[in-house]
């Protein structure tokens, strides 16, 4: 996916970009939204963009598909499997199967969410999954 925006902060090898969200945006949570603004933080930049530049950002499609699967599918699947395991183990152990199923389902869903957060931290430093500045469309007015 390609988006455009204006560079608002420059750091060593990365920039923060204020952008208008297009209709193609699926809300993958790569951007942060507040006060009507959408800002994408830590966009990998090897082109040397400066504050005020209008840039094109490439967001790998892997981010959207994997983020959607991780955030929605994995916890629900873990919760269902946890309920089934807790239900069967509760019945064998002499506990109320529905209650033990619920407890194990909640524990499994929480473990899944913790695992997703851990994987997000690990993958956020991997360049294959990072949004990148693909082109500098226009230089900012502040530049000589």
N, C-alpha and C. Protein backbone atom coordinates (compact mmCIF):
# COMPACT_ATOMS: atom_id res chain seq x y z
N UNK A 1 0.85 -1.17 0.00
CA UNK A 1 0.00 0.00 0.00
C UNK A 1 0.90 1.23 0.00
N UNK A 2 0.49 2.24 -0.72
CA UNK A 2 1.26 3.48 -0.81
C UNK A 2 0.42 4.63 -0.25
N UNK A 3 1.07 5.44 0.57
CA UNK A 3 0.44 6.61 1.17
C UNK A 3 1.37 7.80 1.00
N UNK A 4 0.81 8.99 1.11
CA UNK A 4 1.61 10.21 1.04
C UNK A 4 1.41 11.01 2.31
N UNK A 5 2.45 11.75 2.68
CA UNK A 5 2.35 12.59 3.86
C UNK A 5 3.51 13.55 3.95
N UNK A 6 3.46 14.39 4.98
CA UNK A 6 4.48 15.41 5.19
C UNK A 6 5.31 15.03 6.41
N UNK A 7 6.63 15.11 6.25
CA UNK A 7 7.56 14.76 7.32
C UNK A 7 7.46 15.81 8.42
N UNK A 8 7.28 15.36 9.67
CA UNK A 8 7.19 16.30 10.79
C UNK A 8 8.36 16.16 11.76
N UNK A 9 9.03 15.01 11.75
CA UNK A 9 10.17 14.79 12.65
C UNK A 9 11.19 13.91 11.93
N UNK A 10 12.46 14.25 12.09
CA UNK A 10 13.55 13.46 11.50
C UNK A 10 14.44 12.96 12.62
N UNK A 11 14.71 11.66 12.61
CA UNK A 11 15.66 11.05 13.54
C UNK A 11 16.67 10.25 12.71
N UNK A 12 17.61 9.68 13.35
CA UNK A 12 18.67 8.93 12.67
C UNK A 12 18.08 7.75 11.90
N UNK A 13 17.94 7.91 10.58
CA UNK A 13 17.46 6.83 9.72
C UNK A 13 15.96 6.63 9.69
N UNK A 14 15.20 7.46 10.37
CA UNK A 14 13.75 7.32 10.34
C UNK A 14 13.08 8.69 10.46
N UNK A 15 11.83 8.74 10.04
CA UNK A 15 11.06 9.97 10.09
C UNK A 15 9.66 9.67 10.62
N UNK A 16 9.00 10.70 11.13
CA UNK A 16 7.59 10.64 11.47
C UNK A 16 6.85 11.43 10.40
N UNK A 17 5.73 10.89 9.92
CA UNK A 17 5.02 11.49 8.80
C UNK A 17 3.56 11.72 9.18
N UNK A 18 3.10 12.97 8.99
CA UNK A 18 1.69 13.30 9.17
C UNK A 18 1.01 13.06 7.83
N UNK A 19 -0.11 12.35 7.85
CA UNK A 19 -0.73 11.99 6.59
C UNK A 19 -2.24 12.00 6.66
N UNK A 20 -2.83 12.09 5.47
CA UNK A 20 -4.27 11.92 5.32
C UNK A 20 -4.50 10.45 5.02
N UNK A 21 -5.43 9.85 5.72
CA UNK A 21 -5.67 8.42 5.53
C UNK A 21 -6.55 8.25 4.31
N UNK A 22 -6.11 7.39 3.40
CA UNK A 22 -6.88 7.13 2.19
C UNK A 22 -7.97 6.09 2.48
N UNK A 23 -8.85 5.92 1.50
CA UNK A 23 -9.91 4.93 1.66
C UNK A 23 -9.38 3.51 1.64
N UNK A 24 -8.18 3.32 1.10
CA UNK A 24 -7.58 1.98 1.06
C UNK A 24 -7.07 1.54 2.42
N UNK A 25 -6.92 2.49 3.34
CA UNK A 25 -6.41 2.16 4.66
C UNK A 25 -7.40 1.27 5.40
N UNK A 26 -6.90 0.15 5.88
CA UNK A 26 -7.75 -0.78 6.59
C UNK A 26 -7.65 -0.66 8.10
N UNK A 27 -6.99 0.38 8.57
CA UNK A 27 -6.85 0.54 10.01
C UNK A 27 -5.97 -0.53 10.62
N UNK A 28 -4.80 -0.73 10.06
CA UNK A 28 -3.91 -1.80 10.53
C UNK A 28 -3.14 -1.42 11.79
N UNK A 29 -3.35 -0.24 12.28
CA UNK A 29 -2.73 0.27 13.51
C UNK A 29 -1.25 0.56 13.38
N UNK A 30 -0.74 0.69 12.16
CA UNK A 30 0.64 1.14 11.97
C UNK A 30 0.72 2.61 12.34
N UNK A 31 -0.35 3.35 12.08
CA UNK A 31 -0.40 4.79 12.38
C UNK A 31 -1.03 5.02 13.75
N UNK A 32 -0.74 6.17 14.31
CA UNK A 32 -1.44 6.58 15.53
C UNK A 32 -2.32 7.76 15.18
N UNK A 33 -3.48 7.78 15.77
CA UNK A 33 -4.44 8.84 15.47
C UNK A 33 -4.80 9.58 16.73
N UNK A 34 -4.74 10.92 16.64
CA UNK A 34 -5.16 11.74 17.77
C UNK A 34 -5.45 13.14 17.26
N UNK A 35 -6.44 13.77 17.82
CA UNK A 35 -6.83 15.13 17.48
C UNK A 35 -7.05 15.32 15.98
N UNK A 36 -7.65 14.34 15.33
CA UNK A 36 -7.92 14.45 13.91
C UNK A 36 -6.72 14.28 13.01
N UNK A 37 -5.55 13.99 13.55
CA UNK A 37 -4.34 13.80 12.76
C UNK A 37 -3.94 12.33 12.79
N UNK A 38 -3.36 11.91 11.68
CA UNK A 38 -2.81 10.57 11.60
C UNK A 38 -1.32 10.69 11.40
N UNK A 39 -0.56 10.07 12.28
CA UNK A 39 0.90 10.15 12.21
C UNK A 39 1.46 8.73 12.19
N UNK A 40 2.34 8.50 11.22
CA UNK A 40 3.06 7.23 11.15
C UNK A 40 4.45 7.48 11.72
N UNK A 41 4.79 6.77 12.77
CA UNK A 41 6.07 6.95 13.46
C UNK A 41 7.10 5.95 12.93
N UNK A 42 8.35 6.35 13.02
CA UNK A 42 9.49 5.48 12.72
C UNK A 42 9.43 4.86 11.32
N UNK A 43 9.19 5.70 10.32
CA UNK A 43 9.22 5.25 8.93
C UNK A 43 10.68 5.20 8.50
N UNK A 44 11.12 4.07 8.02
CA UNK A 44 12.51 3.87 7.60
C UNK A 44 12.82 4.79 6.42
N UNK A 45 13.90 5.58 6.53
CA UNK A 45 14.23 6.56 5.49
C UNK A 45 15.70 6.48 5.13
N UNK A 46 15.99 6.08 3.89
CA UNK A 46 17.36 6.08 3.39
C UNK A 46 17.56 7.17 2.35
N UNK A 47 16.49 7.90 2.02
CA UNK A 47 16.57 8.94 1.00
C UNK A 47 16.96 10.31 1.54
N UNK A 48 16.96 10.47 2.85
CA UNK A 48 17.35 11.74 3.45
C UNK A 48 16.27 12.80 3.44
N UNK A 49 15.05 12.41 3.75
CA UNK A 49 13.95 13.38 3.83
C UNK A 49 14.19 14.32 5.00
N UNK A 50 13.71 15.55 4.85
CA UNK A 50 13.83 16.56 5.91
C UNK A 50 12.45 17.04 6.31
N UNK A 51 12.37 17.75 7.42
CA UNK A 51 11.09 18.26 7.92
C UNK A 51 10.44 19.14 6.85
N UNK A 52 9.18 18.88 6.59
CA UNK A 52 8.43 19.64 5.60
C UNK A 52 8.33 18.98 4.24
N UNK A 53 9.16 17.96 3.98
CA UNK A 53 9.11 17.26 2.70
C UNK A 53 7.83 16.44 2.58
N UNK A 54 7.28 16.39 1.38
CA UNK A 54 6.17 15.50 1.09
C UNK A 54 6.77 14.21 0.54
N UNK A 55 6.41 13.10 1.17
CA UNK A 55 7.02 11.82 0.82
C UNK A 55 5.95 10.78 0.50
N UNK A 56 6.37 9.79 -0.28
CA UNK A 56 5.53 8.63 -0.53
C UNK A 56 6.05 7.50 0.35
N UNK A 57 5.13 6.86 1.05
CA UNK A 57 5.48 5.78 1.97
C UNK A 57 4.94 4.47 1.41
N UNK A 58 5.75 3.45 1.45
CA UNK A 58 5.31 2.12 1.06
C UNK A 58 5.14 1.30 2.33
N UNK A 59 3.95 0.77 2.51
CA UNK A 59 3.66 -0.08 3.66
C UNK A 59 3.52 -1.50 3.11
N UNK A 60 4.41 -2.42 3.47
CA UNK A 60 4.33 -3.78 2.94
C UNK A 60 2.98 -4.41 3.24
N UNK A 61 2.42 -5.08 2.24
CA UNK A 61 1.12 -5.73 2.41
C UNK A 61 1.16 -6.82 3.48
N UNK A 62 2.35 -7.33 3.75
CA UNK A 62 2.51 -8.35 4.79
C UNK A 62 2.04 -7.82 6.14
N UNK A 63 2.25 -6.53 6.37
CA UNK A 63 1.87 -5.94 7.65
C UNK A 63 0.37 -6.05 7.86
N UNK A 64 -0.40 -5.66 6.86
CA UNK A 64 -1.86 -5.64 6.99
C UNK A 64 -2.42 -7.04 7.19
N UNK A 65 -2.00 -7.98 6.37
CA UNK A 65 -2.57 -9.33 6.46
C UNK A 65 -2.16 -10.03 7.75
N UNK A 66 -0.89 -9.90 8.10
CA UNK A 66 -0.43 -10.57 9.33
C UNK A 66 -0.96 -9.88 10.58
N UNK A 67 -1.08 -8.57 10.54
CA UNK A 67 -1.62 -7.85 11.69
C UNK A 67 -3.08 -8.23 11.91
N UNK A 68 -3.84 -8.31 10.83
CA UNK A 68 -5.25 -8.69 10.96
C UNK A 68 -5.39 -10.11 11.51
N UNK A 69 -4.58 -11.02 11.00
CA UNK A 69 -4.64 -12.40 11.49
C UNK A 69 -4.22 -12.49 12.95
N UNK A 70 -3.16 -11.76 13.28
CA UNK A 70 -2.66 -11.83 14.65
C UNK A 70 -3.64 -11.23 15.64
N UNK A 71 -4.21 -10.10 15.29
CA UNK A 71 -5.06 -9.38 16.24
C UNK A 71 -6.44 -10.02 16.39
N UNK A 72 -6.99 -10.54 15.31
CA UNK A 72 -8.35 -11.05 15.38
C UNK A 72 -8.45 -12.57 15.45
N UNK A 73 -7.71 -13.26 14.63
CA UNK A 73 -7.88 -14.71 14.52
C UNK A 73 -7.19 -15.46 15.66
N UNK A 74 -5.96 -15.12 15.94
CA UNK A 74 -5.19 -15.89 16.93
C UNK A 74 -5.83 -15.89 18.33
N UNK A 75 -6.21 -14.73 18.89
CA UNK A 75 -6.83 -14.80 20.22
C UNK A 75 -8.16 -15.56 20.25
N UNK A 76 -8.96 -15.40 19.20
CA UNK A 76 -10.25 -16.11 19.17
C UNK A 76 -10.01 -17.61 19.06
N UNK A 77 -9.09 -18.01 18.20
CA UNK A 77 -8.78 -19.43 18.05
C UNK A 77 -8.23 -20.00 19.36
N UNK A 78 -7.34 -19.26 20.00
CA UNK A 78 -6.80 -19.73 21.29
C UNK A 78 -7.89 -19.83 22.35
N UNK A 79 -8.81 -18.88 22.33
CA UNK A 79 -9.90 -18.91 23.31
C UNK A 79 -10.80 -20.13 23.08
N UNK A 80 -11.11 -20.41 21.82
CA UNK A 80 -11.95 -21.58 21.53
C UNK A 80 -11.25 -22.88 21.90
N UNK A 81 -9.99 -22.99 21.54
CA UNK A 81 -9.24 -24.20 21.89
C UNK A 81 -9.06 -24.32 23.41
N UNK A 82 -8.86 -23.19 24.07
CA UNK A 82 -8.73 -23.19 25.53
C UNK A 82 -10.02 -23.62 26.20
N UNK A 83 -11.14 -23.16 25.66
CA UNK A 83 -12.43 -23.57 26.23
C UNK A 83 -12.62 -25.08 26.08
N UNK A 84 -12.32 -25.59 24.88
CA UNK A 84 -12.48 -27.03 24.65
C UNK A 84 -11.58 -27.84 25.58
N UNK A 85 -10.32 -27.41 25.69
CA UNK A 85 -9.39 -28.12 26.57
C UNK A 85 -9.84 -28.04 28.03
N UNK A 86 -10.24 -26.84 28.46
CA UNK A 86 -10.69 -26.69 29.84
C UNK A 86 -11.96 -27.47 30.13
N UNK A 87 -12.86 -27.50 29.16
CA UNK A 87 -14.10 -28.26 29.31
C UNK A 87 -13.80 -29.75 29.49
N UNK A 88 -12.94 -30.29 28.60
CA UNK A 88 -12.62 -31.71 28.68
C UNK A 88 -11.81 -32.05 29.92
N UNK A 89 -10.81 -31.22 30.25
CA UNK A 89 -10.01 -31.47 31.44
C UNK A 89 -10.83 -31.28 32.72
N UNK A 90 -11.73 -30.32 32.74
CA UNK A 90 -12.59 -30.11 33.90
C UNK A 90 -13.49 -31.30 34.15
N UNK A 91 -14.00 -31.86 33.09
CA UNK A 91 -14.86 -33.04 33.21
C UNK A 91 -14.06 -34.22 33.78
N UNK A 92 -12.83 -34.40 33.29
CA UNK A 92 -11.99 -35.51 33.77
C UNK A 92 -11.55 -35.29 35.22
N UNK A 93 -11.31 -34.02 35.61
CA UNK A 93 -10.81 -33.72 36.95
C UNK A 93 -11.94 -33.58 37.97
N UNK A 94 -13.18 -33.63 37.52
CA UNK A 94 -14.30 -33.54 38.44
C UNK A 94 -14.76 -32.11 38.73
N UNK A 95 -14.30 -31.14 37.97
CA UNK A 95 -14.75 -29.76 38.10
C UNK A 95 -15.96 -29.52 37.20
N UNK A 96 -16.63 -28.43 37.42
CA UNK A 96 -17.71 -28.05 36.53
C UNK A 96 -17.10 -27.73 35.16
N UNK A 97 -17.48 -28.46 34.12
CA UNK A 97 -16.82 -28.30 32.82
C UNK A 97 -16.94 -26.90 32.23
N UNK A 98 -18.09 -26.26 32.39
CA UNK A 98 -18.26 -24.92 31.82
C UNK A 98 -17.35 -23.89 32.50
N UNK A 99 -17.24 -23.98 33.80
CA UNK A 99 -16.40 -23.03 34.54
C UNK A 99 -14.93 -23.25 34.22
N UNK A 100 -14.49 -24.51 34.24
CA UNK A 100 -13.08 -24.77 33.91
C UNK A 100 -12.79 -24.41 32.46
N UNK A 101 -13.74 -24.61 31.57
CA UNK A 101 -13.57 -24.21 30.17
C UNK A 101 -13.41 -22.71 30.04
N UNK A 102 -14.22 -21.96 30.78
CA UNK A 102 -14.14 -20.50 30.74
C UNK A 102 -12.80 -20.00 31.27
N UNK A 103 -12.36 -20.57 32.38
CA UNK A 103 -11.09 -20.14 32.98
C UNK A 103 -9.92 -20.42 32.03
N UNK A 104 -9.87 -21.60 31.46
CA UNK A 104 -8.77 -21.94 30.56
C UNK A 104 -8.87 -21.11 29.27
N UNK A 105 -10.09 -20.82 28.80
CA UNK A 105 -10.26 -19.99 27.60
C UNK A 105 -9.72 -18.59 27.83
N UNK A 106 -10.00 -18.00 28.98
CA UNK A 106 -9.49 -16.65 29.29
C UNK A 106 -7.97 -16.65 29.43
N UNK A 107 -7.44 -17.68 30.05
CA UNK A 107 -5.98 -17.78 30.19
C UNK A 107 -5.33 -17.92 28.81
N UNK A 108 -5.90 -18.76 27.95
CA UNK A 108 -5.34 -18.97 26.61
C UNK A 108 -5.41 -17.69 25.77
N UNK A 109 -6.52 -16.95 25.86
CA UNK A 109 -6.64 -15.70 25.11
C UNK A 109 -5.62 -14.67 25.59
N UNK A 110 -5.41 -14.58 26.89
CA UNK A 110 -4.42 -13.65 27.42
C UNK A 110 -3.00 -14.04 27.01
N UNK A 111 -2.70 -15.32 27.01
CA UNK A 111 -1.38 -15.76 26.55
C UNK A 111 -1.20 -15.41 25.08
N UNK A 112 -2.26 -15.56 24.28
CA UNK A 112 -2.18 -15.21 22.86
C UNK A 112 -1.90 -13.72 22.66
N UNK A 113 -2.57 -12.88 23.43
CA UNK A 113 -2.35 -11.43 23.32
C UNK A 113 -0.92 -11.07 23.74
N UNK A 114 -0.44 -11.66 24.80
CA UNK A 114 0.95 -11.43 25.22
C UNK A 114 1.92 -11.88 24.14
N UNK A 115 1.65 -13.03 23.53
CA UNK A 115 2.48 -13.52 22.44
C UNK A 115 2.47 -12.59 21.24
N UNK A 116 1.32 -12.02 20.92
CA UNK A 116 1.21 -11.08 19.80
C UNK A 116 2.02 -9.82 20.10
N UNK A 117 1.94 -9.32 21.31
CA UNK A 117 2.73 -8.13 21.68
C UNK A 117 4.23 -8.42 21.60
N UNK A 118 4.64 -9.59 22.05
CA UNK A 118 6.05 -9.97 21.99
C UNK A 118 6.51 -10.06 20.54
N UNK A 119 5.70 -10.70 19.68
CA UNK A 119 6.05 -10.82 18.27
C UNK A 119 6.08 -9.45 17.59
N UNK A 120 5.18 -8.57 17.97
CA UNK A 120 5.16 -7.22 17.40
C UNK A 120 6.45 -6.47 17.72
N UNK A 121 6.90 -6.59 18.95
CA UNK A 121 8.16 -5.93 19.33
C UNK A 121 9.34 -6.51 18.57
N UNK A 122 9.34 -7.82 18.39
CA UNK A 122 10.43 -8.46 17.65
C UNK A 122 10.42 -8.08 16.18
N UNK A 123 9.25 -8.08 15.58
CA UNK A 123 9.15 -7.82 14.14
C UNK A 123 9.25 -6.34 13.79
N UNK A 124 9.01 -5.46 14.76
CA UNK A 124 9.04 -4.04 14.45
C UNK A 124 10.43 -3.56 14.07
N UNK A 125 11.45 -4.30 14.44
CA UNK A 125 12.81 -3.92 14.06
C UNK A 125 13.27 -4.62 12.78
N UNK A 126 12.44 -5.48 12.21
CA UNK A 126 12.79 -6.19 10.99
C UNK A 126 12.43 -5.30 9.79
N UNK A 127 13.40 -5.00 8.94
CA UNK A 127 13.19 -4.08 7.83
C UNK A 127 12.15 -4.57 6.82
N UNK A 128 11.93 -5.87 6.71
CA UNK A 128 10.94 -6.38 5.76
C UNK A 128 9.54 -5.92 6.11
N UNK A 129 9.27 -5.66 7.36
CA UNK A 129 7.93 -5.30 7.80
C UNK A 129 7.77 -3.81 8.08
N UNK A 130 8.85 -3.05 7.93
CA UNK A 130 8.81 -1.63 8.26
C UNK A 130 8.26 -0.80 7.10
N UNK A 131 7.43 0.19 7.40
CA UNK A 131 7.06 1.15 6.36
C UNK A 131 8.32 1.92 5.95
N UNK A 132 8.43 2.24 4.64
CA UNK A 132 9.64 2.89 4.13
C UNK A 132 9.27 4.12 3.31
N UNK A 133 10.15 5.12 3.34
CA UNK A 133 10.01 6.26 2.44
C UNK A 133 10.47 5.76 1.08
N UNK A 134 9.54 5.77 0.12
CA UNK A 134 9.83 5.27 -1.22
C UNK A 134 10.31 6.38 -2.15
N UNK A 135 9.79 7.60 -1.94
CA UNK A 135 10.17 8.72 -2.80
C UNK A 135 9.90 10.03 -2.07
N UNK A 136 10.72 11.02 -2.38
CA UNK A 136 10.46 12.37 -1.90
C UNK A 136 9.75 13.09 -3.03
N UNK A 137 8.48 13.40 -2.83
CA UNK A 137 7.66 13.99 -3.89
C UNK A 137 7.95 15.48 -4.04
N UNK A 138 8.04 16.19 -2.92
CA UNK A 138 8.33 17.62 -2.96
C UNK A 138 9.14 17.99 -1.74
N UNK A 139 10.13 18.82 -1.94
CA UNK A 139 10.94 19.30 -0.82
C UNK A 139 10.16 20.37 -0.08
N UNK A 140 10.40 20.42 1.23
CA UNK A 140 9.73 21.42 2.06
C UNK A 140 10.19 22.82 1.76
N UNK A 141 9.38 23.79 2.11
CA UNK A 141 9.69 25.22 1.86
C UNK A 141 10.84 25.71 2.71
N UNK A 142 11.08 25.07 3.85
CA UNK A 142 12.13 25.55 4.77
C UNK A 142 13.53 25.22 4.28
N UNK A 143 13.63 24.41 3.27
CA UNK A 143 14.94 23.95 2.81
C UNK A 143 15.52 24.94 1.79
N UNK A 144 16.81 25.21 1.88
CA UNK A 144 17.48 26.12 0.95
C UNK A 144 17.95 25.41 -0.29
